Amino acid sequence: MTAETKDTLLGILKDYGFATVLACALLFVGRQDIILPMVEAHREFLRDVAETQKEISQAIAEQTRLLYALQPKGTQMRTVDVTVPDDGKN
């Protein structure tokens, strides 16, 4: 360590205090060892979720297409009255 570097570090230590310098060092180490790997794992998780959502979307589109293909042609849809009339007719 050169004398100039030592003077700079001691100047920072005197200006900001030992606790502040220690906190900055711990935050830097935490950033390298904890936060950056956690962010990378989160990015990978989000990529997996996006891929899964695309697969689900494709499956839903295929199921919808098949349901429309299986739908009977030329028949009208029936409606059902869910209220129970007094005369017993439905």
Protein backbone atom coordinates (compact mmCIF):
# COMPACT_ATOMS: atom_id res chain seq x y z
CA MET A 1 0.00 0.00 0.00
CA THR A 2 1.46 3.31 -1.00
CA ALA A 3 1.59 6.29 1.30
CA GLU A 4 -0.88 8.19 -0.88
CA THR A 5 -3.44 5.35 -0.71
CA LYS A 6 -2.94 5.09 3.04
CA ASP A 7 -3.48 8.83 3.46
CA THR A 8 -6.64 8.65 1.32
CA LEU A 9 -8.08 5.77 3.36
CA LEU A 10 -7.27 7.47 6.65
CA GLY A 11 -8.81 10.70 5.36
CA ILE A 12 -12.03 8.87 4.45
CA LEU A 13 -12.01 7.14 7.82
CA LYS A 14 -11.58 10.46 9.64
CA ASP A 15 -14.23 12.26 7.56
CA TYR A 16 -16.94 9.62 7.63
CA GLY A 17 -16.15 7.56 10.72
CA PHE A 18 -15.30 3.93 11.22
CA ALA A 19 -18.94 2.76 11.41
CA THR A 20 -19.84 4.33 8.07
CA VAL A 21 -16.79 2.91 6.31
CA LEU A 22 -17.47 -0.53 7.84
CA ALA A 23 -21.13 -0.36 6.77
CA CYS A 24 -20.12 0.53 3.21
CA ALA A 25 -17.66 -2.35 3.11
CA LEU A 26 -20.30 -4.78 4.41
CA LEU A 27 -22.82 -3.53 1.87
CA PHE A 28 -20.30 -3.98 -0.93
CA VAL A 29 -19.51 -7.54 0.20
CA GLY A 30 -23.22 -8.26 0.62
CA ARG A 31 -23.85 -6.96 -2.86
CA GLN A 32 -21.24 -9.29 -4.33
CA ASP A 33 -22.09 -12.39 -2.32
CA ILE A 34 -25.81 -12.12 -1.66
CA ILE A 35 -27.69 -9.59 -3.76
CA LEU A 36 -26.21 -10.24 -7.21
CA PRO A 37 -26.70 -14.04 -7.06
CA MET A 38 -30.23 -13.50 -5.75
CA VAL A 39 -31.05 -11.13 -8.61
CA GLU A 40 -29.67 -13.61 -11.16
CA ALA A 41 -31.74 -16.43 -9.65
CA HIS A 42 -34.82 -14.19 -9.78
CA ARG A 43 -34.19 -13.39 -13.45
CA GLU A 44 -33.94 -17.11 -14.22
CA PHE A 45 -37.17 -17.74 -12.30
CA LEU A 46 -38.96 -15.02 -14.27
CA ARG A 47 -37.70 -16.50 -17.56
CA ASP A 48 -39.09 -19.89 -16.50
CA VAL A 49 -42.43 -18.35 -15.53
CA ALA A 50 -42.67 -16.51 -18.85
CA GLU A 51 -41.90 -19.73 -20.75
CA THR A 52 -44.51 -21.63 -18.75
CA GLN A 53 -47.11 -18.93 -19.42
CA LYS A 54 -46.40 -19.14 -23.15
CA GLU A 55 -46.84 -22.92 -23.05
CA ILE A 56 -50.12 -22.56 -21.14
CA SER A 57 -51.32 -19.94 -23.62
CA GLN A 58 -50.56 -22.23 -26.54
CA ALA A 59 -52.36 -25.14 -24.83
CA ILE A 60 -55.43 -22.98 -24.19
CA ALA A 61 -55.47 -21.81 -27.80
CA GLU A 62 -55.25 -25.42 -29.03
CA GLN A 63 -58.02 -26.54 -26.68
CA THR A 64 -60.21 -23.67 -27.83
CA ARG A 65 -59.59 -24.57 -31.46
CA LEU A 66 -60.49 -28.21 -30.75
CA LEU A 67 -63.64 -27.27 -28.89
CA TYR A 68 -64.80 -25.11 -31.78
CA ALA A 69 -64.01 -27.96 -34.19
CA LEU A 70 -66.03 -30.43 -32.10
CA GLN A 71 -68.98 -28.09 -31.75
CA PRO A 72 -72.08 -29.42 -33.52
CA LYS A 73 -72.87 -27.53 -36.69
CA GLY A 74 -76.30 -26.23 -37.61
CA THR A 75 -77.89 -26.59 -34.20
CA GLN A 76 -79.00 -23.73 -32.09
CA MET A 77 -77.87 -23.38 -28.55
CA ARG A 78 -80.51 -24.17 -25.97
CA THR A 79 -81.32 -21.85 -23.13
CA VAL A 80 -82.57 -23.06 -19.81
CA ASP A 81 -84.68 -21.08 -17.41
CA VAL A 82 -83.32 -21.65 -13.95
CA THR A 83 -86.31 -20.23 -12.15
CA VAL A 84 -88.90 -22.71 -10.92
CA PRO A 85 -92.33 -21.62 -12.10
CA ASP A 86 -95.45 -22.23 -10.01
CA ASP A 87 -97.09 -24.51 -12.57
CA GLY A 88 -94.21 -27.04 -12.61
CA LYS A 89 -93.10 -26.39 -16.21
CA ASN A 90 -89.44 -25.89 -16.87
